[in-house]
Amino acid sequence: MKYYGILDPEEINKIEDLTIGDIENVLHEKDIYHNVFSQETFEKLLKVNFTPDFEEIEIKTQFVPPIDLINEFNDFIYNTYKHKFIKSKSQYFTDFNETFYGYEYFDLRKVALEEFNEIYKSLNILQVSMVAESISVNGISHTHSTGKLFKLHTYHHQVKKKLATTENLTSYLTGDSSYYDATFFSESVETQDAMYIELMAQILVEINDKYQFEEDLYYSKKTSEAFKYKDFDTIFKNLKSYRFTNSTLVNYKNLKRSHIESLYQVLLEFDLITDNKKNFIDFIKDQYKFKLTKIATFIPKENLQNDKRVGALRQRWLNFDVPKSNLDLFFDF
């Protein structure tokens, strides 16, 4: 744990008439908290859209915990109190399996979708959907809105932020785990809410994973891949091309320069990357720790082994059917 016990308790105890603001100042001085626009200032900036009126706005800032601290603290809280909830999750799926035992898969999937929607609705996740468009293979514009897992993930993060208050975090940062006892739980509405939402999220994610109502790019292992793409969106034209490249390269037991050269040829052929060898070489060296100085280009029949690899990779790309998700849509822009 990166942040647990990172702060000397004396840094807090030596302050007379201690306030939350005092603690936040110390946390900022120790580079634990970040200094950001206050919510009030941020909303004003959005209204003026950084026009000349910007100079007339009184800028207010606030100290806040970074995202990795928020997530780490929530993991700690979950592991501390999960014994209170884990049986509820097990019982839910036991009851579900007993009730619908013997159902055909598609009937079971229909029931599971009803269960999913009922639980999701009970959380009262009220958010404005983001909308994007894509063009089908027939040239027709399709309109897409954010899926429920995207909204759940966003809502889930807001709940985590509410739990990670300075008051709740201080004992964690000073390494005092005894503070988080049964009394803390019973008196902390934020903790109870966070644990309940965590339980509901786990159930929804598991149901979706079993019956695949939508592709999960928010709770599954694909999440990190999707966000890594943002670091290389000047090289790859979309998320799918990045996935294809990564999937292809990691499957080679003994990666060779010839594999990379054939792959690069196919990526260019299908207009999946920008035509910049240097950037692609830097990407390979950085992500796969492969020493590469140049990428050779071959014309057809000049190198038969390359032709074979290119043919296989073409077919692999054509069969690389990754369902389009909300995250793909917004990362494609």
C-alpha atoms as a PDB file:
ATOM      1  CA  MET A   1       0.000   0.000   0.000  1.00  0.00           C
ATOM      2  CA  LYS A   2       1.560   3.224  -1.204  1.00  0.00           C
ATOM      3  CA  TYR A   3      -0.172   5.665   1.155  1.00  0.00           C
ATOM      4  CA  TYR A   4      -0.802   3.681   4.338  1.00  0.00           C
ATOM      5  CA  GLY A   5       1.351   5.132   7.142  1.00  0.00           C
ATOM      6  CA  ILE A   6       2.989   7.643   4.804  1.00  0.00           C
ATOM      7  CA  LEU A   7       2.383  10.512   7.247  1.00  0.00           C
ATOM      8  CA  ASP A   8       4.089  10.885  10.635  1.00  0.00           C
ATOM      9  CA  PRO A   9       1.321  11.315  13.263  1.00  0.00           C
ATOM     10  CA  GLU A  10       3.415  14.049  14.889  1.00  0.00           C
ATOM     11  CA  GLU A  11       2.921  16.197  11.787  1.00  0.00           C
ATOM     12  CA  ILE A  12      -0.756  16.315  12.751  1.00  0.00           C
ATOM     13  CA  ASN A  13      -0.532  16.191  16.547  1.00  0.00           C
ATOM     14  CA  LYS A  14       1.782  19.209  16.803  1.00  0.00           C
ATOM     15  CA  ILE A  15      -0.866  21.531  15.324  1.00  0.00           C
ATOM     16  CA  GLU A  16      -2.857  23.367  18.010  1.00  0.00           C
ATOM     17  CA  ASP A  17      -6.624  23.792  17.546  1.00  0.00           C
ATOM     18  CA  LEU A  18      -6.439  21.403  14.612  1.00  0.00           C
ATOM     19  CA  THR A  19      -8.931  21.872  11.768  1.00  0.00           C
ATOM     20  CA  ILE A  20      -9.579  19.887   8.602  1.00  0.00           C
ATOM     21  CA  GLY A  21      -8.069  22.784   6.660  1.00  0.00           C
ATOM     22  CA  ASP A  22      -4.865  22.504   8.690  1.00  0.00           C
ATOM     23  CA  ILE A  23      -4.605  18.801   7.920  1.00  0.00           C
ATOM     24  CA  GLU A  24      -5.200  19.426   4.222  1.00  0.00           C
ATOM     25  CA  ASN A  25      -2.436  22.040   4.186  1.00  0.00           C
ATOM     26  CA  VAL A  26      -0.015  19.520   5.676  1.00  0.00           C
ATOM     27  CA  LEU A  27      -1.083  16.859   3.169  1.00  0.00           C
ATOM     28  CA  HIS A  28      -0.524  19.290   0.314  1.00  0.00           C
ATOM     29  CA  GLU A  29       2.884  20.324   1.632  1.00  0.00           C
ATOM     30  CA  LYS A  30       3.836  16.639   1.768  1.00  0.00           C
ATOM     31  CA  ASP A  31       2.732  16.231  -1.891  1.00  0.00           C
ATOM     32  CA  ILE A  32      -0.013  13.825  -0.848  1.00  0.00           C
ATOM     33  CA  TYR A  33      -2.962  16.056  -1.806  1.00  0.00           C
ATOM     34  CA  HIS A  34      -3.388  17.958  -5.074  1.00  0.00           C
ATOM     35  CA  ASN A  35      -4.417  21.591  -5.481  1.00  0.00           C
ATOM     36  CA  VAL A  36      -7.323  21.933  -7.947  1.00  0.00           C
ATOM     37  CA  PHE A  37     -10.054  24.395  -8.882  1.00  0.00           C
ATOM     38  CA  SER A  38     -12.952  24.376  -6.448  1.00  0.00           C
ATOM     39  CA  GLN A  39     -16.250  23.031  -7.772  1.00  0.00           C
ATOM     40  CA  GLU A  40     -17.674  26.567  -7.708  1.00  0.00           C
ATOM     41  CA  THR A  41     -14.775  27.948  -9.773  1.00  0.00           C
ATOM     42  CA  PHE A  42     -14.887  25.038 -12.200  1.00  0.00           C
ATOM     43  CA  GLU A  43     -18.598  25.566 -12.883  1.00  0.00           C
ATOM     44  CA  LYS A  44     -18.001  29.290 -13.526  1.00  0.00           C
ATOM     45  CA  LEU A  45     -15.161  28.495 -15.935  1.00  0.00           C
ATOM     46  CA  LEU A  46     -17.421  26.179 -17.880  1.00  0.00           C
ATOM     47  CA  LYS A  47     -20.030  28.912 -18.205  1.00  0.00           C
ATOM     48  CA  VAL A  48     -17.631  31.544 -19.562  1.00  0.00           C
ATOM     49  CA  ASN A  49     -15.759  28.931 -21.638  1.00  0.00           C
ATOM     50  CA  PHE A  50     -12.436  30.716 -20.991  1.00  0.00           C
ATOM     51  CA  THR A  51     -13.584  33.902 -22.761  1.00  0.00           C
ATOM     52  CA  PRO A  52     -12.247  37.341 -21.693  1.00  0.00           C
ATOM     53  CA  ASP A  53     -14.665  37.111 -18.751  1.00  0.00           C
ATOM     54  CA  PHE A  54     -12.250  34.530 -17.366  1.00  0.00           C
ATOM     55  CA  GLU A  55     -10.069  37.300 -15.897  1.00  0.00           C
ATOM     56  CA  GLU A  56     -12.990  38.624 -13.860  1.00  0.00           C
ATOM     57  CA  ILE A  57     -13.597  35.323 -12.082  1.00  0.00           C
ATOM     58  CA  GLU A  58     -12.333  34.936  -8.555  1.00  0.00           C
ATOM     59  CA  ILE A  59     -10.282  31.749  -8.669  1.00  0.00           C
ATOM     60  CA  LYS A  60     -10.732  29.467  -5.685  1.00  0.00           C
ATOM     61  CA  THR A  61      -8.850  26.217  -5.214  1.00  0.00           C
ATOM     62  CA  GLN A  62      -9.070  23.272  -2.871  1.00  0.00           C
ATOM     63  CA  PHE A  63      -6.825  20.444  -1.731  1.00  0.00           C
ATOM     64  CA  VAL A  64      -8.055  16.974  -2.712  1.00  0.00           C
ATOM     65  CA  PRO A  65      -6.707  13.405  -2.553  1.00  0.00           C
ATOM     66  CA  PRO A  66      -5.391  11.924  -5.821  1.00  0.00           C
ATOM     67  CA  ILE A  67      -7.330   9.169  -7.563  1.00  0.00           C
ATOM     68  CA  ASP A  68      -4.885   6.409  -6.638  1.00  0.00           C
ATOM     69  CA  LEU A  69      -5.236   7.324  -2.947  1.00  0.00           C
ATOM     70  CA  ILE A  70      -9.028   7.296  -3.263  1.00  0.00           C
ATOM     71  CA  ASN A  71      -8.933   3.830  -4.830  1.00  0.00           C
ATOM     72  CA  GLU A  72      -6.367   2.488  -2.361  1.00  0.00           C
ATOM     73  CA  PHE A  73      -8.371   3.709   0.630  1.00  0.00           C
ATOM     74  CA  ASN A  74     -11.585   2.229  -0.744  1.00  0.00           C
ATOM     75  CA  ASP A  75      -9.849  -1.119  -1.243  1.00  0.00           C
ATOM     76  CA  PHE A  76      -8.679  -0.967   2.378  1.00  0.00           C
ATOM     77  CA  ILE A  77     -12.184  -0.178   3.638  1.00  0.00           C
ATOM     78  CA  TYR A  78     -13.660  -2.960   1.527  1.00  0.00           C
ATOM     79  CA  ASN A  79     -11.174  -5.534   2.821  1.00  0.00           C
ATOM     80  CA  THR A  80     -11.775  -4.355   6.397  1.00  0.00           C
ATOM     81  CA  TYR A  81     -15.558  -4.712   6.298  1.00  0.00           C
ATOM     82  CA  LYS A  82     -16.262  -7.168   3.473  1.00  0.00           C
ATOM     83  CA  HIS A  83     -17.087  -9.922   5.974  1.00  0.00           C
ATOM     84  CA  LYS A  84     -20.283  -7.989   6.692  1.00  0.00           C
ATOM     85  CA  PHE A  85     -21.428  -8.244   3.064  1.00  0.00           C
ATOM     86  CA  ILE A  86     -19.733 -11.145   1.316  1.00  0.00           C
ATOM     87  CA  LYS A  87     -22.378 -13.633   2.473  1.00  0.00           C
ATOM     88  CA  SER A  88     -25.093 -11.465   0.922  1.00  0.00           C
ATOM     89  CA  LYS A  89     -23.456 -11.764  -2.481  1.00  0.00           C
ATOM     90  CA  SER A  90     -23.047 -15.529  -2.181  1.00  0.00           C
ATOM     91  CA  GLN A  91     -26.637 -15.879  -1.011  1.00  0.00           C
ATOM     92  CA  TYR A  92     -27.914 -13.802  -3.934  1.00  0.00           C
ATOM     93  CA  PHE A  93     -26.364 -16.093  -6.535  1.00  0.00           C
ATOM     94  CA  THR A  94     -27.311 -19.231  -4.576  1.00  0.00           C
ATOM     95  CA  ASP A  95     -30.948 -18.121  -4.544  1.00  0.00           C
ATOM     96  CA  PHE A  96     -30.786 -17.166  -8.223  1.00  0.00           C
ATOM     97  CA  ASN A  97     -29.374 -20.550  -9.237  1.00  0.00           C
ATOM     98  CA  GLU A  98     -31.905 -22.441  -7.102  1.00  0.00           C
ATOM     99  CA  THR A  99     -34.879 -20.434  -8.368  1.00  0.00           C
ATOM    100  CA  PHE A 100     -34.034 -20.775 -12.054  1.00  0.00           C
ATOM    101  CA  TYR A 101     -32.448 -24.222 -12.008  1.00  0.00           C
ATOM    102  CA  GLY A 102     -33.015 -26.106 -15.267  1.00  0.00           C
ATOM    103  CA  TYR A 103     -33.795 -23.057 -17.403  1.00  0.00           C
ATOM    104  CA  GLU A 104     -32.484 -23.064 -20.964  1.00  0.00           C
ATOM    105  CA  TYR A 105     -29.626 -20.604 -21.486  1.00  0.00           C
ATOM    106  CA  PHE A 106     -31.598 -17.997 -23.444  1.00  0.00           C
ATOM    107  CA  ASP A 107     -34.481 -18.095 -20.952  1.00  0.00           C
ATOM    108  CA  LEU A 108     -31.964 -17.769 -18.131  1.00  0.00           C
ATOM    109  CA  ARG A 109     -30.295 -14.856 -19.888  1.00  0.00           C
ATOM    110  CA  LYS A 110     -33.641 -13.085 -20.188  1.00  0.00           C
ATOM    111  CA  VAL A 111     -34.292 -13.511 -16.464  1.00  0.00           C
ATOM    112  CA  ALA A 112     -30.748 -12.371 -15.661  1.00  0.00           C
ATOM    113  CA  LEU A 113     -31.286  -9.208 -17.711  1.00  0.00           C
ATOM    114  CA  GLU A 114     -34.441  -8.450 -15.738  1.00  0.00           C
ATOM    115  CA  GLU A 115     -32.493  -8.943 -12.510  1.00  0.00           C
ATOM    116  CA  PHE A 116     -29.684  -6.721 -13.779  1.00  0.00           C
ATOM    117  CA  ASN A 117     -32.061  -3.915 -14.739  1.00  0.00           C
ATOM    118  CA  GLU A 118     -33.950  -4.133 -11.449  1.00  0.00           C
ATOM    119  CA  ILE A 119     -30.776  -3.860  -9.354  1.00  0.00           C
ATOM    120  CA  TYR A 120     -29.405  -1.090 -11.567  1.00  0.00           C
ATOM    121  CA  LYS A 121     -32.655   0.873 -11.317  1.00  0.00           C
ATOM    122  CA  SER A 122     -32.640   0.559  -7.512  1.00  0.00           C
ATOM    123  CA  LEU A 123     -29.344   2.474  -7.369  1.00  0.00           C
ATOM    124  CA  ASN A 124     -30.979   5.600  -8.845  1.00  0.00           C
ATOM    125  CA  ILE A 125     -28.045   6.336 -11.119  1.00  0.00           C
ATOM    126  CA  LEU A 126     -29.230   9.532 -12.763  1.00  0.00           C
ATOM    127  CA  GLN A 127     -26.748  10.723 -15.367  1.00  0.00           C
ATOM    128  CA  VAL A 128     -26.952  12.413 -18.725  1.00  0.00           C
ATOM    129  CA  SER A 129     -25.927   9.953 -21.431  1.00  0.00           C
ATOM    130  CA  MET A 130     -23.031  10.833 -23.679  1.00  0.00           C
ATOM    131  CA  VAL A 131     -23.868  10.243 -27.318  1.00  0.00           C
ATOM    132  CA  ALA A 132     -21.567   9.368 -30.204  1.00  0.00           C
ATOM    133  CA  GLU A 133     -21.934   8.236 -33.799  1.00  0.00           C
ATOM    134  CA  SER A 134     -20.200   5.588 -35.881  1.00  0.00           C
ATOM    135  CA  ILE A 135     -20.554   4.588 -39.521  1.00  0.00           C
ATOM    136  CA  SER A 136     -21.619   1.024 -40.325  1.00  0.00           C
ATOM    137  CA  VAL A 137     -20.110  -1.079 -43.126  1.00  0.00           C
ATOM    138  CA  ASN A 138     -23.144  -0.022 -45.175  1.00  0.00           C
ATOM    139  CA  GLY A 139     -22.298   3.647 -44.737  1.00  0.00           C
ATOM    140  CA  ILE A 140     -25.199   4.295 -42.347  1.00  0.00           C
ATOM    141  CA  SER A 141     -24.685   6.548 -39.349  1.00  0.00           C
ATOM    142  CA  HIS A 142     -25.427   4.757 -36.068  1.00  0.00           C
ATOM    143  CA  THR A 143     -26.113   6.649 -32.845  1.00  0.00           C
ATOM    144  CA  HIS A 144     -24.734   5.192 -29.614  1.00  0.00           C
ATOM    145  CA  SER A 145     -25.186   6.240 -26.007  1.00  0.00           C
ATOM    146  CA  THR A 146     -23.210   5.265 -22.953  1.00  0.00           C
ATOM    147  CA  GLY A 147     -23.988   1.827 -21.578  1.00  0.00           C
ATOM    148  CA  LYS A 148     -25.002   1.001 -18.041  1.00  0.00           C
ATOM    149  CA  LEU A 149     -21.573  -0.229 -16.971  1.00  0.00           C
ATOM    150  CA  PHE A 150     -20.070   3.135 -17.907  1.00  0.00           C
ATOM    151  CA  LYS A 151     -22.687   4.924 -15.804  1.00  0.00           C
ATOM    152  CA  LEU A 152     -22.246   2.442 -12.954  1.00  0.00           C
ATOM    153  CA  HIS A 153     -18.489   2.926 -12.993  1.00  0.00           C
ATOM    154  CA  THR A 154     -18.846   6.728 -12.952  1.00  0.00           C
ATOM    155  CA  TYR A 155     -21.376   6.594 -10.121  1.00  0.00           C
ATOM    156  CA  HIS A 156     -19.198   4.096  -8.245  1.00  0.00           C
ATOM    157  CA  HIS A 157     -16.240   6.474  -8.454  1.00  0.00           C
ATOM    158  CA  GLN A 158     -18.318   9.359  -7.076  1.00  0.00           C
ATOM    159  CA  VAL A 159     -19.271   7.200  -4.094  1.00  0.00           C
ATOM    160  CA  LYS A 160     -15.591   6.380  -3.513  1.00  0.00           C
ATOM    161  CA  LYS A 161     -14.736  10.091  -3.553  1.00  0.00           C
ATOM    162  CA  LYS A 162     -17.394  10.805  -0.927  1.00  0.00           C
ATOM    163  CA  LEU A 163     -15.863   8.161   1.328  1.00  0.00           C
ATOM    164  CA  ALA A 164     -12.312   9.491   0.933  1.00  0.00           C
ATOM    165  CA  THR A 165     -12.799  12.615   3.040  1.00  0.00           C
ATOM    166  CA  THR A 166      -9.855  14.108   4.889  1.00  0.00           C
ATOM    167  CA  GLU A 167     -11.503  13.180   8.183  1.00  0.00           C
ATOM    168  CA  ASN A 168     -11.782   9.534   7.104  1.00  0.00           C
ATOM    169  CA  LEU A 169      -8.352   9.397   5.469  1.00  0.00           C
ATOM    170  CA  THR A 170      -6.185  10.876   8.224  1.00  0.00           C
ATOM    171  CA  SER A 171      -5.880   7.739  10.374  1.00  0.00           C
ATOM    172  CA  TYR A 172      -5.144   5.661   7.280  1.00  0.00           C
ATOM    173  CA  LEU A 173      -2.361   8.016   6.228  1.00  0.00           C
ATOM    174  CA  THR A 174      -0.834   7.903   9.721  1.00  0.00           C
ATOM    175  CA  GLY A 175      -1.016   4.099   9.801  1.00  0.00           C
ATOM    176  CA  ASP A 176      -3.684   3.762  12.487  1.00  0.00           C
ATOM    177  CA  SER A 177      -5.830   0.874  11.242  1.00  0.00           C
ATOM    178  CA  SER A 178      -7.453   0.424  14.678  1.00  0.00           C
ATOM    179  CA  TYR A 179      -9.474   3.578  13.978  1.00  0.00           C
ATOM    180  CA  TYR A 180     -11.550   1.660  11.442  1.00  0.00           C
ATOM    181  CA  ASP A 181     -13.448  -0.553  13.867  1.00  0.00           C
ATOM    182  CA  ALA A 182     -17.092  -1.515  14.287  1.00  0.00           C
ATOM    183  CA  THR A 183     -17.895   1.885  15.793  1.00  0.00           C
ATOM    184  CA  PHE A 184     -16.453   3.728  12.805  1.00  0.00           C
ATOM    185  CA  PHE A 185     -18.558   1.612  10.477  1.00  0.00           C
ATOM    186  CA  SER A 186     -21.783   2.065  12.426  1.00  0.00           C
ATOM    187  CA  GLU A 187     -21.313   5.838  12.608  1.00  0.00           C
ATOM    188  CA  SER A 188     -20.091   6.408   9.039  1.00  0.00           C
ATOM    189  CA  VAL A 189     -22.927   6.670   6.541  1.00  0.00           C
ATOM    190  CA  GLU A 190     -20.375   7.144   3.735  1.00  0.00           C
ATOM    191  CA  THR A 191     -18.748   3.811   4.580  1.00  0.00           C
ATOM    192  CA  GLN A 192     -22.063   1.970   4.694  1.00  0.00           C
ATOM    193  CA  ASP A 193     -23.093   3.482   1.361  1.00  0.00           C
ATOM    194  CA  ALA A 194     -19.724   2.678  -0.218  1.00  0.00           C
ATOM    195  CA  MET A 195     -19.879  -0.956   0.909  1.00  0.00           C
ATOM    196  CA  TYR A 196     -23.439  -1.339  -0.351  1.00  0.00           C
ATOM    197  CA  ILE A 197     -22.601   0.151  -3.757  1.00  0.00           C
ATOM    198  CA  GLU A 198     -19.493  -2.050  -3.941  1.00  0.00           C
ATOM    199  CA  LEU A 199     -21.656  -5.118  -3.317  1.00  0.00           C
ATOM    200  CA  MET A 200     -24.238  -4.100  -5.920  1.00  0.00           C
ATOM    201  CA  ALA A 201     -21.507  -3.291  -8.452  1.00  0.00           C
ATOM    202  CA  GLN A 202     -19.913  -6.707  -7.935  1.00  0.00           C
ATOM    203  CA  ILE A 203     -23.252  -8.434  -8.494  1.00  0.00           C
ATOM    204  CA  LEU A 204     -24.025  -6.399 -11.627  1.00  0.00           C
ATOM    205  CA  VAL A 205     -20.547  -6.939 -13.063  1.00  0.00           C
ATOM    206  CA  GLU A 206     -20.731 -10.689 -12.418  1.00  0.00           C
ATOM    207  CA  ILE A 207     -24.173 -10.981 -14.028  1.00  0.00           C
ATOM    208  CA  ASN A 208     -22.955  -9.056 -17.060  1.00  0.00           C
ATOM    209  CA  ASP A 209     -19.796 -11.166 -17.284  1.00  0.00           C
ATOM    210  CA  LYS A 210     -21.873 -14.355 -17.330  1.00  0.00           C
ATOM    211  CA  TYR A 211     -24.461 -13.196 -19.859  1.00  0.00           C
ATOM    212  CA  GLN A 212     -22.587 -10.508 -21.818  1.00  0.00           C
ATOM    213  CA  PHE A 213     -25.206  -7.777 -22.091  1.00  0.00           C
ATOM    214  CA  GLU A 214     -22.442  -5.314 -22.974  1.00  0.00           C
ATOM    215  CA  GLU A 215     -18.676  -5.423 -23.265  1.00  0.00           C
ATOM    216  CA  ASP A 216     -17.053  -4.576 -19.955  1.00  0.00           C
ATOM    217  CA  LEU A 217     -14.241  -2.076 -20.336  1.00  0.00           C
ATOM    218  CA  TYR A 218     -14.621  -0.607 -16.872  1.00  0.00           C
ATOM    219  CA  TYR A 219     -14.240  -3.486 -14.419  1.00  0.00           C
ATOM    220  CA  SER A 220     -12.542  -6.178 -16.510  1.00  0.00           C
ATOM    221  CA  LYS A 221      -8.877  -6.573 -17.422  1.00  0.00           C
ATOM    222  CA  LYS A 222      -9.633  -4.719 -20.676  1.00  0.00           C
ATOM    223  CA  THR A 223      -9.873  -1.483 -18.722  1.00  0.00           C
ATOM    224  CA  SER A 224      -6.139  -0.893 -18.500  1.00  0.00           C
ATOM    225  CA  GLU A 225      -5.731  -1.662 -22.200  1.00  0.00           C
ATOM    226  CA  ALA A 226      -8.386   0.871 -23.123  1.00  0.00           C
ATOM    227  CA  PHE A 227      -6.758   3.617 -21.085  1.00  0.00           C
ATOM    228  CA  LYS A 228      -3.267   2.728 -22.293  1.00  0.00           C
ATOM    229  CA  TYR A 229      -4.496   3.409 -25.812  1.00  0.00           C
ATOM    230  CA  LYS A 230      -4.891   7.084 -24.930  1.00  0.00           C
ATOM    231  CA  ASP A 231      -1.106   7.307 -24.563  1.00  0.00           C
ATOM    232  CA  PHE A 232      -0.665   6.141 -28.151  1.00  0.00           C
ATOM    233  CA  ASP A 233      -3.636   7.648 -29.981  1.00  0.00           C
ATOM    234  CA  THR A 234      -1.244   9.631 -32.192  1.00  0.00           C
ATOM    235  CA  ILE A 235       0.043   6.298 -33.527  1.00  0.00           C
ATOM    236  CA  PHE A 236      -3.102   4.157 -33.670  1.00  0.00           C
ATOM    237  CA  LYS A 237      -6.227   5.358 -35.450  1.00  0.00           C
ATOM    238  CA  ASN A 238      -8.624   3.685 -32.994  1.00  0.00           C
ATOM    239  CA  LEU A 239      -8.765   1.450 -29.946  1.00  0.00           C
ATOM    240  CA  LYS A 240      -9.399  -1.692 -31.969  1.00  0.00           C
ATOM    241  CA  SER A 241      -6.164  -1.263 -33.951  1.00  0.00           C
ATOM    242  CA  TYR A 242      -4.234  -0.851 -30.695  1.00  0.00           C
ATOM    243  CA  ARG A 243      -5.800  -4.020 -29.292  1.00  0.00           C
ATOM    244  CA  PHE A 244      -5.016  -5.934 -32.455  1.00  0.00           C
ATOM    245  CA  THR A 245      -1.380  -4.846 -32.337  1.00  0.00           C
ATOM    246  CA  ASN A 246      -0.980  -5.681 -28.664  1.00  0.00           C
ATOM    247  CA  SER A 247      -2.783  -9.013 -28.997  1.00  0.00           C
ATOM    248  CA  THR A 248      -0.614  -9.987 -31.975  1.00  0.00           C
ATOM    249  CA  LEU A 249       2.720  -9.090 -30.414  1.00  0.00           C
ATOM    250  CA  VAL A 250       2.134 -10.689 -27.009  1.00  0.00           C
ATOM    251  CA  ASN A 251       1.175 -13.969 -28.707  1.00  0.00           C
ATOM    252  CA  TYR A 252       4.654 -14.416 -30.180  1.00  0.00           C
ATOM    253  CA  LYS A 253       6.711 -16.693 -27.920  1.00  0.00           C
ATOM    254  CA  ASN A 254       9.924 -15.331 -29.428  1.00  0.00           C
ATOM    255  CA  LEU A 255       9.283 -11.898 -30.893  1.00  0.00           C
ATOM    256  CA  LYS A 256      11.497 -11.084 -33.884  1.00  0.00           C
ATOM    257  CA  ARG A 257      12.035  -8.002 -36.024  1.00  0.00           C
ATOM    258  CA  SER A 258      10.473  -9.815 -38.992  1.00  0.00           C
ATOM    259  CA  HIS A 259       7.220 -10.227 -37.016  1.00  0.00           C
ATOM    260  CA  ILE A 260       7.103  -6.491 -36.346  1.00  0.00           C
ATOM    261  CA  GLU A 261       7.881  -5.610 -39.975  1.00  0.00           C
ATOM    262  CA  SER A 262       5.055  -7.811 -41.283  1.00  0.00           C
ATOM    263  CA  LEU A 263       2.656  -6.416 -38.708  1.00  0.00           C
ATOM    264  CA  TYR A 264       3.604  -2.838 -39.566  1.00  0.00           C
ATOM    265  CA  GLN A 265       2.896  -3.552 -43.242  1.00  0.00           C
ATOM    266  CA  VAL A 266      -0.590  -4.855 -42.429  1.00  0.00           C
ATOM    267  CA  LEU A 267      -1.366  -1.955 -40.095  1.00  0.00           C
ATOM    268  CA  LEU A 268      -0.508   0.505 -42.867  1.00  0.00           C
ATOM    269  CA  GLU A 269      -2.388  -1.478 -45.476  1.00  0.00           C
ATOM    270  CA  PHE A 270      -5.624  -1.317 -43.465  1.00  0.00           C
ATOM    271  CA  ASP A 271      -5.007   2.311 -42.445  1.00  0.00           C
ATOM    272  CA  LEU A 272      -4.846   1.396 -38.761  1.00  0.00           C
ATOM    273  CA  ILE A 273      -1.856   3.577 -37.844  1.00  0.00           C
ATOM    274  CA  THR A 274      -0.191   6.791 -38.912  1.00  0.00           C
ATOM    275  CA  ASP A 275       2.706   6.305 -41.331  1.00  0.00           C
ATOM    276  CA  ASN A 276       5.530   7.180 -38.980  1.00  0.00           C
ATOM    277  CA  LYS A 277       8.125   4.469 -38.454  1.00  0.00           C
ATOM    278  CA  LYS A 278       9.993   6.345 -35.748  1.00  0.00           C
ATOM    279  CA  ASN A 279       6.921   6.670 -33.544  1.00  0.00           C
ATOM    280  CA  PHE A 280       6.053   3.019 -34.039  1.00  0.00           C
ATOM    281  CA  ILE A 281       9.625   1.932 -33.254  1.00  0.00           C
ATOM    282  CA  ASP A 282       9.570   4.025 -30.073  1.00  0.00           C
ATOM    283  CA  PHE A 283       6.265   2.391 -29.126  1.00  0.00           C
ATOM    284  CA  ILE A 284       7.714  -1.105 -29.627  1.00  0.00           C
ATOM    285  CA  LYS A 285      10.848  -0.314 -27.642  1.00  0.00           C
ATOM    286  CA  ASP A 286       8.902   1.260 -24.792  1.00  0.00           C
ATOM    287  CA  GLN A 287       6.030  -1.220 -24.464  1.00  0.00           C
ATOM    288  CA  TYR A 288       7.690  -4.520 -25.359  1.00  0.00           C
ATOM    289  CA  LYS A 289      11.303  -3.805 -24.368  1.00  0.00           C
ATOM    290  CA  PHE A 290      12.397  -4.939 -27.827  1.00  0.00           C
ATOM    291  CA  LYS A 291      15.560  -3.445 -29.315  1.00  0.00           C
ATOM    292  CA  LEU A 292      14.590  -2.114 -32.721  1.00  0.00           C
ATOM    293  CA  THR A 293      16.395   0.446 -34.867  1.00  0.00           C
ATOM    294  CA  LYS A 294      14.592   0.183 -38.198  1.00  0.00           C
ATOM    295  CA  ILE A 295      11.633  -1.403 -39.981  1.00  0.00           C
ATOM    296  CA  ALA A 296      12.273  -2.817 -43.447  1.00  0.00           C
ATOM    297  CA  THR A 297       9.643  -2.555 -46.176  1.00  0.00           C
ATOM    298  CA  PHE A 298       9.139  -5.326 -48.744  1.00  0.00           C
ATOM    299  CA  ILE A 299       7.268  -5.428 -52.034  1.00  0.00           C
ATOM    300  CA  PRO A 300       5.192  -8.552 -52.859  1.00  0.00           C
ATOM    301  CA  LYS A 301       7.266 -11.662 -53.742  1.00  0.00           C
ATOM    302  CA  GLU A 302      10.476  -9.990 -52.591  1.00  0.00           C
ATOM    303  CA  ASN A 303      10.408 -11.915 -49.312  1.00  0.00           C
ATOM    304  CA  LEU A 304       8.217 -15.037 -49.364  1.00  0.00           C
ATOM    305  CA  GLN A 305       8.331 -15.528 -45.588  1.00  0.00           C
ATOM    306  CA  ASN A 306       7.135 -11.970 -45.137  1.00  0.00           C
ATOM    307  CA  ASP A 307       4.358 -12.586 -47.673  1.00  0.00           C
ATOM    308  CA  LYS A 308       3.171 -15.589 -45.635  1.00  0.00           C
ATOM    309  CA  ARG A 309       3.175 -13.646 -42.395  1.00  0.00           C
ATOM    310  CA  VAL A 310       1.384 -10.699 -43.995  1.00  0.00           C
ATOM    311  CA  GLY A 311      -1.287 -13.009 -45.418  1.00  0.00           C
ATOM    312  CA  ALA A 312      -1.871 -14.607 -42.017  1.00  0.00           C
ATOM    313  CA  LEU A 313      -2.017 -11.221 -40.298  1.00  0.00           C
ATOM    314  CA  ARG A 314      -4.482  -9.882 -42.862  1.00  0.00           C
ATOM    315  CA  GLN A 315      -6.784 -12.787 -42.113  1.00  0.00           C
ATOM    316  CA  ARG A 316      -6.297 -12.310 -38.388  1.00  0.00           C
ATOM    317  CA  TRP A 317      -7.309  -8.666 -38.641  1.00  0.00           C
ATOM    318  CA  LEU A 318     -10.399  -9.480 -40.686  1.00  0.00           C
ATOM    319  CA  ASN A 319     -11.445 -11.990 -38.021  1.00  0.00           C
ATOM    320  CA  PHE A 320     -10.532  -9.720 -35.138  1.00  0.00           C
ATOM    321  CA  ASP A 321     -14.122  -8.853 -34.308  1.00  0.00           C
ATOM    322  CA  VAL A 322     -14.094  -6.849 -31.078  1.00  0.00           C
ATOM    323  CA  PRO A 323     -17.631  -5.616 -30.251  1.00  0.00           C
ATOM    324  CA  LYS A 324     -17.802  -1.845 -30.196  1.00  0.00           C
ATOM    325  CA  SER A 325     -18.367  -0.438 -26.738  1.00  0.00           C
ATOM    326  CA  ASN A 326     -19.004   3.005 -25.325  1.00  0.00           C
ATOM    327  CA  LEU A 327     -15.351   3.419 -24.461  1.00  0.00           C
ATOM    328  CA  ASP A 328     -14.337   2.591 -28.035  1.00  0.00           C
ATOM    329  CA  LEU A 329     -16.694   5.246 -29.304  1.00  0.00           C
ATOM    330  CA  PHE A 330     -15.371   8.066 -27.177  1.00  0.00           C
ATOM    331  CA  PHE A 331     -11.745   7.079 -27.644  1.00  0.00           C
ATOM    332  CA  ASP A 332     -12.186   7.024 -31.425  1.00  0.00           C
ATOM    333  CA  PHE A 333     -12.571  10.802 -31.580  1.00  0.00           C
END
